[in-house]
C-alpha cells in the first residue's frame, strides 16, 4: 500500500486506523487458487495395454506445490510435487480398472498456510480391446467349452 492508495480528509488518527484495518484485512483474506486444467495423451479412447499420460496445470504465481490426480470413483490416487505450473502423471499399460473419470487438484503452502485449489474439470479414460487370457490356466481350461461338429 502507498499513500496514493488513499484519499482521506479528516484527522490523522482516523487515517491511520483506516490503513491498519486495510492491511489487517488483506492478511486475513484467504488466497484463492484457480481451478487447474487437465488433459491426456493420447486423446480419445485407449487400447488395453496402452500407456497414457495425464497432465495437470494451473495458472498461479505460487509455484512449488503438489498436484494430486485422483480417479473419482476408484482407488487410483497419485501426488507429485512440481517446481513449475504443471505435472504429468504416467499410467503405463492401462487396463479396464483404469477406466473412469479423473480430476486433479493443486495444493501449495504460502506463509506457513496450506491452500487448495478447487477440483479440475473431469476427464474420462475409456479403455477398449480384448483382454489377453492364458490358455494354460487350468481353471480357464476347465470352463472352456469348444463346440464340436
N, C-alpha and C. Protein backbone atom coordinates (compact mmCIF):
# COMPACT_ATOMS: atom_id res chain seq x y z
N UNK A 1 0.84 -1.18 0.00
CA UNK A 1 0.00 0.00 0.00
C UNK A 1 0.89 1.24 0.00
N UNK A 2 0.44 2.25 -0.65
CA UNK A 2 1.18 3.51 -0.65
C UNK A 2 0.21 4.64 -0.35
N UNK A 3 0.74 5.80 -0.02
CA UNK A 3 -0.15 6.94 0.27
C UNK A 3 -1.08 7.26 -0.90
N UNK A 4 -0.67 6.93 -2.13
CA UNK A 4 -1.52 7.21 -3.29
C UNK A 4 -2.79 6.36 -3.29
N UNK A 5 -2.77 5.24 -2.54
CA UNK A 5 -3.92 4.36 -2.49
C UNK A 5 -5.08 4.93 -1.68
N UNK A 6 -4.85 5.99 -0.95
CA UNK A 6 -5.87 6.53 -0.07
C UNK A 6 -6.11 8.00 -0.35
N UNK A 7 -7.36 8.37 -0.39
CA UNK A 7 -7.74 9.78 -0.40
C UNK A 7 -8.53 9.95 0.88
N UNK A 8 -8.04 10.83 1.75
CA UNK A 8 -8.65 10.92 3.07
C UNK A 8 -8.69 12.36 3.52
N UNK A 9 -9.83 12.75 3.99
CA UNK A 9 -9.94 14.06 4.62
C UNK A 9 -10.45 13.82 6.03
N UNK A 10 -9.73 14.25 6.99
CA UNK A 10 -10.13 14.02 8.38
C UNK A 10 -8.89 14.02 9.27
N UNK A 11 -9.06 13.53 10.45
CA UNK A 11 -7.96 13.54 11.40
C UNK A 11 -6.94 12.45 11.06
N UNK A 12 -5.71 12.66 11.46
CA UNK A 12 -4.62 11.73 11.19
C UNK A 12 -4.88 10.39 11.86
N UNK A 13 -5.41 10.39 13.07
CA UNK A 13 -5.65 9.13 13.77
C UNK A 13 -6.67 8.27 13.03
N UNK A 14 -7.69 8.91 12.42
CA UNK A 14 -8.67 8.16 11.65
C UNK A 14 -8.04 7.57 10.39
N UNK A 15 -7.17 8.34 9.75
CA UNK A 15 -6.48 7.86 8.55
C UNK A 15 -5.59 6.67 8.89
N UNK A 16 -4.88 6.76 10.00
CA UNK A 16 -4.00 5.68 10.43
C UNK A 16 -4.82 4.42 10.73
N UNK A 17 -5.96 4.58 11.36
CA UNK A 17 -6.83 3.44 11.67
C UNK A 17 -7.31 2.77 10.37
N UNK A 18 -7.63 3.56 9.36
CA UNK A 18 -8.09 3.02 8.08
C UNK A 18 -6.99 2.20 7.41
N UNK A 19 -5.74 2.66 7.47
CA UNK A 19 -4.61 1.94 6.87
C UNK A 19 -4.38 0.62 7.61
N UNK A 20 -4.37 0.65 8.92
CA UNK A 20 -4.14 -0.55 9.72
C UNK A 20 -5.24 -1.58 9.46
N UNK A 21 -6.48 -1.13 9.39
CA UNK A 21 -7.60 -2.03 9.14
C UNK A 21 -7.49 -2.67 7.76
N UNK A 22 -7.10 -1.91 6.75
CA UNK A 22 -6.95 -2.43 5.39
C UNK A 22 -5.85 -3.48 5.33
N UNK A 23 -4.70 -3.21 5.92
CA UNK A 23 -3.59 -4.16 5.92
C UNK A 23 -3.98 -5.43 6.66
N UNK A 24 -4.65 -5.31 7.78
CA UNK A 24 -5.07 -6.48 8.55
C UNK A 24 -6.05 -7.33 7.77
N UNK A 25 -6.97 -6.71 7.07
CA UNK A 25 -7.95 -7.50 6.31
C UNK A 25 -7.30 -8.21 5.14
N UNK A 26 -6.25 -7.61 4.55
CA UNK A 26 -5.54 -8.28 3.47
C UNK A 26 -4.83 -9.53 3.97
N UNK A 27 -4.31 -9.51 5.17
CA UNK A 27 -3.63 -10.67 5.74
C UNK A 27 -4.61 -11.80 6.04
N UNK A 28 -5.83 -11.47 6.41
CA UNK A 28 -6.80 -12.49 6.80
C UNK A 28 -7.52 -13.10 5.61
N UNK A 29 -7.56 -12.39 4.48
CA UNK A 29 -8.27 -12.90 3.32
C UNK A 29 -7.57 -14.15 2.81
N UNK A 30 -8.31 -15.24 2.56
CA UNK A 30 -7.66 -16.45 2.05
C UNK A 30 -7.22 -16.25 0.60
N UNK A 31 -6.12 -16.89 0.27
CA UNK A 31 -5.65 -16.84 -1.10
C UNK A 31 -6.53 -17.76 -1.94
N UNK A 32 -6.97 -17.27 -3.06
CA UNK A 32 -7.83 -18.05 -3.94
C UNK A 32 -6.99 -18.59 -5.08
N UNK A 33 -6.93 -19.91 -5.20
CA UNK A 33 -6.23 -20.54 -6.32
C UNK A 33 -7.24 -20.85 -7.42
N UNK A 34 -6.85 -20.71 -8.67
CA UNK A 34 -7.78 -21.03 -9.76
C UNK A 34 -7.95 -22.54 -9.91
N UNK A 35 -8.94 -22.93 -10.68
CA UNK A 35 -9.18 -24.34 -10.96
C UNK A 35 -8.11 -24.83 -11.93
N UNK A 36 -7.44 -25.95 -11.65
CA UNK A 36 -6.43 -26.47 -12.59
C UNK A 36 -7.10 -26.99 -13.87
N UNK A 37 -6.30 -27.08 -14.92
CA UNK A 37 -6.78 -27.72 -16.14
C UNK A 37 -6.18 -29.12 -16.23
N UNK A 38 -6.85 -29.99 -16.95
CA UNK A 38 -6.43 -31.39 -17.05
C UNK A 38 -6.56 -31.85 -18.50
N UNK A 39 -5.58 -32.63 -18.96
CA UNK A 39 -5.61 -33.15 -20.33
C UNK A 39 -4.91 -34.50 -20.35
N UNK A 40 -5.12 -35.25 -21.43
CA UNK A 40 -4.47 -36.56 -21.53
C UNK A 40 -3.91 -36.78 -22.93
N UNK A 41 -2.88 -37.61 -22.98
CA UNK A 41 -2.27 -38.03 -24.25
C UNK A 41 -2.09 -39.53 -24.21
N UNK A 42 -2.51 -40.23 -25.22
CA UNK A 42 -3.19 -39.74 -26.40
C UNK A 42 -4.65 -39.37 -26.09
N UNK A 43 -5.21 -38.56 -26.96
CA UNK A 43 -6.62 -38.18 -26.81
C UNK A 43 -7.49 -39.34 -27.28
N UNK A 44 -8.73 -39.33 -26.91
CA UNK A 44 -9.67 -40.35 -27.36
C UNK A 44 -9.58 -41.63 -26.53
N UNK A 45 -10.22 -42.68 -27.05
CA UNK A 45 -10.23 -43.97 -26.35
C UNK A 45 -8.84 -44.58 -26.33
N UNK A 46 -8.60 -45.38 -25.30
CA UNK A 46 -7.32 -46.05 -25.14
C UNK A 46 -7.51 -47.54 -25.41
N UNK A 47 -6.47 -48.16 -25.94
CA UNK A 47 -6.49 -49.60 -26.15
C UNK A 47 -5.90 -50.28 -24.93
N UNK A 48 -6.46 -51.41 -24.55
CA UNK A 48 -5.97 -52.17 -23.40
C UNK A 48 -4.46 -52.38 -23.56
N UNK A 49 -3.69 -52.04 -22.51
CA UNK A 49 -2.24 -52.20 -22.53
C UNK A 49 -1.48 -50.97 -23.01
N UNK A 50 -2.19 -49.95 -23.46
CA UNK A 50 -1.56 -48.73 -23.96
C UNK A 50 -1.14 -47.85 -22.79
N UNK A 51 -0.08 -47.05 -22.98
CA UNK A 51 0.36 -46.08 -21.97
C UNK A 51 -0.41 -44.78 -22.18
N UNK A 52 -0.73 -44.10 -21.08
CA UNK A 52 -1.39 -42.80 -21.16
C UNK A 52 -0.72 -41.86 -20.18
N UNK A 53 -0.67 -40.59 -20.54
CA UNK A 53 -0.15 -39.58 -19.61
C UNK A 53 -1.22 -38.51 -19.41
N UNK A 54 -1.40 -38.14 -18.15
CA UNK A 54 -2.39 -37.12 -17.78
C UNK A 54 -1.62 -35.93 -17.23
N UNK A 55 -1.87 -34.75 -17.78
CA UNK A 55 -1.17 -33.53 -17.36
C UNK A 55 -2.14 -32.60 -16.66
N UNK A 56 -1.72 -32.15 -15.48
CA UNK A 56 -2.47 -31.15 -14.71
C UNK A 56 -1.65 -29.87 -14.72
N UNK A 57 -2.30 -28.74 -14.93
CA UNK A 57 -1.59 -27.46 -14.91
C UNK A 57 -2.47 -26.39 -14.28
N UNK A 58 -1.81 -25.35 -13.78
CA UNK A 58 -2.52 -24.28 -13.09
C UNK A 58 -1.86 -22.95 -13.41
N UNK A 59 -2.65 -21.89 -13.49
CA UNK A 59 -2.13 -20.54 -13.70
C UNK A 59 -2.04 -19.85 -12.35
N UNK A 60 -0.85 -19.86 -11.77
CA UNK A 60 -0.64 -19.20 -10.48
C UNK A 60 0.82 -18.79 -10.36
N UNK A 61 1.05 -17.78 -9.56
CA UNK A 61 2.43 -17.38 -9.27
C UNK A 61 2.99 -18.15 -8.08
N UNK A 62 2.14 -18.93 -7.42
CA UNK A 62 2.55 -19.68 -6.23
C UNK A 62 2.97 -21.09 -6.64
N UNK A 63 4.22 -21.21 -7.12
CA UNK A 63 4.73 -22.48 -7.61
C UNK A 63 5.35 -23.28 -6.48
N UNK A 64 5.77 -24.50 -6.80
CA UNK A 64 6.39 -25.36 -5.79
C UNK A 64 5.38 -26.14 -4.99
N UNK A 65 4.19 -26.31 -5.53
CA UNK A 65 3.14 -27.03 -4.82
C UNK A 65 3.05 -28.48 -5.26
N UNK A 66 1.98 -29.12 -4.86
CA UNK A 66 1.76 -30.54 -5.16
C UNK A 66 0.47 -30.72 -5.95
N UNK A 67 0.58 -31.44 -7.05
CA UNK A 67 -0.60 -31.82 -7.83
C UNK A 67 -1.02 -33.22 -7.41
N UNK A 68 -2.32 -33.42 -7.29
CA UNK A 68 -2.87 -34.74 -6.99
C UNK A 68 -3.86 -35.12 -8.08
N UNK A 69 -3.65 -36.30 -8.65
CA UNK A 69 -4.57 -36.85 -9.66
C UNK A 69 -5.34 -37.98 -9.00
N UNK A 70 -6.67 -37.94 -9.11
CA UNK A 70 -7.49 -38.94 -8.44
C UNK A 70 -8.60 -39.43 -9.35
N UNK A 71 -8.81 -40.74 -9.33
CA UNK A 71 -9.94 -41.35 -10.02
C UNK A 71 -11.16 -41.08 -9.15
N UNK A 72 -12.19 -40.47 -9.72
CA UNK A 72 -13.31 -40.02 -8.89
C UNK A 72 -14.08 -41.15 -8.22
N UNK A 73 -14.21 -42.28 -8.89
CA UNK A 73 -14.87 -43.42 -8.23
C UNK A 73 -13.97 -44.65 -8.41
N UNK A 74 -12.84 -44.60 -7.75
CA UNK A 74 -11.88 -45.70 -7.84
C UNK A 74 -10.77 -45.47 -6.84
N UNK A 75 -9.79 -46.35 -6.87
CA UNK A 75 -8.73 -46.29 -5.86
C UNK A 75 -7.49 -45.55 -6.34
N UNK A 76 -7.43 -45.17 -7.62
CA UNK A 76 -6.22 -44.53 -8.13
C UNK A 76 -6.07 -43.13 -7.55
N UNK A 77 -4.91 -42.88 -6.96
CA UNK A 77 -4.59 -41.55 -6.43
C UNK A 77 -3.08 -41.41 -6.40
N UNK A 78 -2.56 -40.39 -7.09
CA UNK A 78 -1.13 -40.13 -7.10
C UNK A 78 -0.89 -38.64 -6.88
N UNK A 79 0.18 -38.33 -6.16
CA UNK A 79 0.57 -36.94 -5.92
C UNK A 79 1.97 -36.72 -6.44
N UNK A 80 2.22 -35.50 -6.90
CA UNK A 80 3.52 -35.16 -7.46
C UNK A 80 3.83 -33.70 -7.17
N UNK A 81 4.99 -33.46 -6.55
CA UNK A 81 5.44 -32.09 -6.30
C UNK A 81 6.05 -31.55 -7.58
N UNK A 82 5.79 -30.27 -7.86
CA UNK A 82 6.30 -29.66 -9.08
C UNK A 82 6.85 -28.28 -8.79
N UNK A 83 7.98 -27.96 -9.41
CA UNK A 83 8.55 -26.62 -9.27
C UNK A 83 8.01 -25.69 -10.36
N UNK A 84 7.22 -26.24 -11.28
CA UNK A 84 6.62 -25.43 -12.34
C UNK A 84 5.11 -25.38 -12.13
N UNK A 85 4.39 -24.97 -13.17
CA UNK A 85 2.93 -24.86 -13.03
C UNK A 85 2.19 -26.08 -13.55
N UNK A 86 2.91 -27.21 -13.74
CA UNK A 86 2.24 -28.41 -14.23
C UNK A 86 2.94 -29.68 -13.74
N UNK A 87 2.22 -30.78 -13.84
CA UNK A 87 2.77 -32.10 -13.51
C UNK A 87 2.13 -33.11 -14.44
N UNK A 88 2.93 -34.08 -14.87
CA UNK A 88 2.43 -35.14 -15.75
C UNK A 88 2.48 -36.47 -15.02
N UNK A 89 1.36 -37.16 -15.05
CA UNK A 89 1.22 -38.47 -14.41
C UNK A 89 1.16 -39.53 -15.51
N UNK A 90 2.09 -40.48 -15.46
CA UNK A 90 2.11 -41.55 -16.45
C UNK A 90 1.41 -42.78 -15.89
N UNK A 91 0.49 -43.31 -16.67
CA UNK A 91 -0.20 -44.54 -16.30
C UNK A 91 0.17 -45.58 -17.36
N UNK A 92 1.07 -46.50 -17.02
CA UNK A 92 1.51 -47.47 -18.03
C UNK A 92 0.52 -48.62 -18.17
N UNK A 93 0.41 -49.12 -19.38
CA UNK A 93 -0.36 -50.32 -19.69
C UNK A 93 -1.74 -50.34 -19.03
N UNK A 94 -2.60 -49.44 -19.51
CA UNK A 94 -3.93 -49.32 -18.90
C UNK A 94 -4.73 -50.62 -19.04
N UNK A 95 -5.57 -50.85 -18.04
CA UNK A 95 -6.50 -51.97 -18.05
C UNK A 95 -7.89 -51.41 -17.79
N UNK A 96 -8.86 -52.29 -17.73
CA UNK A 96 -10.23 -51.81 -17.51
C UNK A 96 -10.40 -51.19 -16.13
N UNK A 97 -9.53 -51.53 -15.19
CA UNK A 97 -9.62 -50.91 -13.85
C UNK A 97 -9.22 -49.44 -13.88
N UNK A 98 -8.53 -49.02 -14.95
CA UNK A 98 -8.16 -47.61 -15.09
C UNK A 98 -9.27 -46.77 -15.71
N UNK A 99 -10.32 -47.43 -16.20
CA UNK A 99 -11.43 -46.69 -16.80
C UNK A 99 -12.12 -45.83 -15.76
N UNK A 100 -12.58 -44.67 -16.19
CA UNK A 100 -13.34 -43.82 -15.29
C UNK A 100 -12.97 -42.36 -15.44
N UNK A 101 -13.52 -41.55 -14.56
CA UNK A 101 -13.28 -40.11 -14.57
C UNK A 101 -12.15 -39.77 -13.61
N UNK A 102 -11.36 -38.77 -14.00
CA UNK A 102 -10.22 -38.33 -13.20
C UNK A 102 -10.28 -36.81 -13.04
N UNK A 103 -9.83 -36.34 -11.88
CA UNK A 103 -9.72 -34.91 -11.61
C UNK A 103 -8.38 -34.65 -10.95
N UNK A 104 -7.92 -33.41 -11.06
CA UNK A 104 -6.71 -33.06 -10.34
C UNK A 104 -6.95 -31.82 -9.47
N UNK A 105 -6.08 -31.68 -8.50
CA UNK A 105 -6.14 -30.57 -7.55
C UNK A 105 -4.72 -30.13 -7.26
N UNK A 106 -4.56 -28.85 -6.92
CA UNK A 106 -3.25 -28.29 -6.60
C UNK A 106 -3.25 -27.79 -5.17
N UNK A 107 -2.18 -28.09 -4.46
CA UNK A 107 -2.03 -27.61 -3.08
C UNK A 107 -0.68 -26.94 -2.96
N UNK A 108 -0.65 -25.79 -2.28
CA UNK A 108 0.62 -25.10 -2.06
C UNK A 108 0.62 -24.47 -0.67
N UNK A 109 1.81 -24.17 -0.20
CA UNK A 109 1.97 -23.56 1.13
C UNK A 109 2.53 -22.16 0.94
N UNK A 110 1.85 -21.18 1.51
CA UNK A 110 2.29 -19.78 1.45
C UNK A 110 2.24 -19.23 2.87
N UNK A 111 3.36 -18.69 3.31
CA UNK A 111 3.45 -18.11 4.66
C UNK A 111 2.94 -19.09 5.73
N UNK A 112 3.43 -20.32 5.66
CA UNK A 112 3.10 -21.37 6.63
C UNK A 112 1.62 -21.77 6.63
N UNK A 113 0.91 -21.46 5.57
CA UNK A 113 -0.50 -21.86 5.45
C UNK A 113 -0.69 -22.67 4.18
N UNK A 114 -1.51 -23.73 4.27
CA UNK A 114 -1.80 -24.56 3.11
C UNK A 114 -3.03 -24.03 2.38
N UNK A 115 -2.96 -24.04 1.05
CA UNK A 115 -4.07 -23.60 0.22
C UNK A 115 -4.34 -24.67 -0.83
N UNK A 116 -5.61 -24.98 -1.04
CA UNK A 116 -6.03 -25.98 -2.03
C UNK A 116 -6.83 -25.31 -3.13
N UNK A 117 -6.55 -25.71 -4.35
CA UNK A 117 -7.36 -25.24 -5.47
C UNK A 117 -8.68 -26.01 -5.49
N UNK A 118 -9.65 -25.52 -6.25
CA UNK A 118 -10.84 -26.35 -6.49
C UNK A 118 -10.42 -27.57 -7.34
N UNK A 119 -11.27 -28.56 -7.41
CA UNK A 119 -11.01 -29.71 -8.29
C UNK A 119 -11.11 -29.25 -9.74
N UNK A 120 -10.29 -29.85 -10.60
CA UNK A 120 -10.36 -29.55 -12.03
C UNK A 120 -11.66 -30.13 -12.61
N UNK A 121 -11.94 -29.78 -13.85
CA UNK A 121 -12.99 -30.49 -14.57
C UNK A 121 -12.56 -31.96 -14.68
N UNK A 122 -13.48 -32.82 -15.03
CA UNK A 122 -13.16 -34.25 -15.17
C UNK A 122 -12.74 -34.58 -16.59
N UNK A 123 -11.84 -35.55 -16.70
CA UNK A 123 -11.59 -36.19 -17.99
C UNK A 123 -11.94 -37.66 -17.81
N UNK A 124 -12.28 -38.30 -18.91
CA UNK A 124 -12.66 -39.71 -18.83
C UNK A 124 -11.65 -40.56 -19.59
N UNK A 125 -11.21 -41.63 -18.95
CA UNK A 125 -10.38 -42.62 -19.62
C UNK A 125 -11.29 -43.79 -19.99
N UNK A 126 -11.36 -44.07 -21.29
CA UNK A 126 -12.15 -45.20 -21.78
C UNK A 126 -11.19 -46.20 -22.41
N UNK A 127 -11.27 -47.44 -21.98
CA UNK A 127 -10.35 -48.48 -22.44
C UNK A 127 -11.13 -49.48 -23.28
N UNK A 128 -10.62 -49.76 -24.48
CA UNK A 128 -11.24 -50.74 -25.36
C UNK A 128 -10.22 -51.83 -25.67
N UNK A 129 -10.69 -52.95 -26.15
CA UNK A 129 -9.77 -54.01 -26.57
C UNK A 129 -10.13 -55.34 -25.96
N UNK A 130 -9.34 -56.32 -26.33
CA UNK A 130 -9.55 -57.69 -25.88
C UNK A 130 -8.54 -57.98 -24.78
N UNK A 131 -9.03 -58.56 -23.70
CA UNK A 131 -8.16 -58.91 -22.58
C UNK A 131 -7.46 -60.22 -22.91
N UNK A 132 -6.12 -60.23 -22.90
CA UNK A 132 -5.43 -61.49 -23.16
C UNK A 132 -5.63 -62.47 -22.01
N UNK A 133 -5.90 -63.72 -22.35
CA UNK A 133 -6.12 -64.76 -21.34
C UNK A 133 -5.16 -65.90 -21.62
N UNK A 134 -4.53 -66.40 -20.60
CA UNK A 134 -3.61 -67.52 -20.75
C UNK A 134 -4.40 -68.82 -20.84
N UNK A 135 -4.21 -69.56 -21.92
CA UNK A 135 -4.91 -70.82 -22.10
C UNK A 135 -4.30 -71.90 -21.21
N UNK A 136 -3.13 -71.65 -20.66
CA UNK A 136 -2.50 -72.62 -19.78
C UNK A 136 -3.12 -72.59 -18.38
N UNK A 137 -3.96 -71.62 -18.10
CA UNK A 137 -4.62 -71.53 -16.81
C UNK A 137 -5.64 -72.66 -16.67
N UNK A 138 -5.42 -73.57 -15.69
CA UNK A 138 -6.27 -74.76 -15.54
C UNK A 138 -7.73 -74.40 -15.27
N UNK A 139 -7.96 -73.37 -14.45
CA UNK A 139 -9.35 -73.01 -14.16
C UNK A 139 -10.04 -72.49 -15.42
N UNK A 140 -9.28 -71.84 -16.28
CA UNK A 140 -9.85 -71.36 -17.53
C UNK A 140 -10.15 -72.54 -18.45
N UNK A 141 -9.21 -73.50 -18.54
CA UNK A 141 -9.40 -74.66 -19.41
C UNK A 141 -10.64 -75.46 -19.01
N UNK A 142 -10.86 -75.58 -17.71
CA UNK A 142 -12.00 -76.37 -17.26
C UNK A 142 -13.32 -75.70 -17.62
N UNK A 143 -13.32 -74.40 -17.79
CA UNK A 143 -14.55 -73.68 -18.15
C UNK A 143 -14.68 -73.47 -19.65
N UNK A 144 -13.61 -73.76 -20.37
CA UNK A 144 -13.61 -73.54 -21.81
C UNK A 144 -14.35 -74.68 -22.49
N UNK A 145 -15.34 -74.34 -23.26
CA UNK A 145 -16.08 -75.37 -24.00
C UNK A 145 -15.94 -75.08 -25.47
N UNK A 146 -15.34 -76.02 -26.15
CA UNK A 146 -15.14 -75.85 -27.58
C UNK A 146 -16.24 -76.64 -28.28
N UNK A 147 -17.02 -75.96 -29.10
CA UNK A 147 -18.10 -76.67 -29.78
C UNK A 147 -17.54 -77.72 -30.74
N UNK A 148 -18.16 -78.87 -30.79
CA UNK A 148 -17.75 -79.93 -31.72
C UNK A 148 -18.81 -80.04 -32.80
N UNK A 149 -18.38 -80.52 -33.93
CA UNK A 149 -19.32 -80.63 -35.05
C UNK A 149 -20.04 -81.93 -35.02
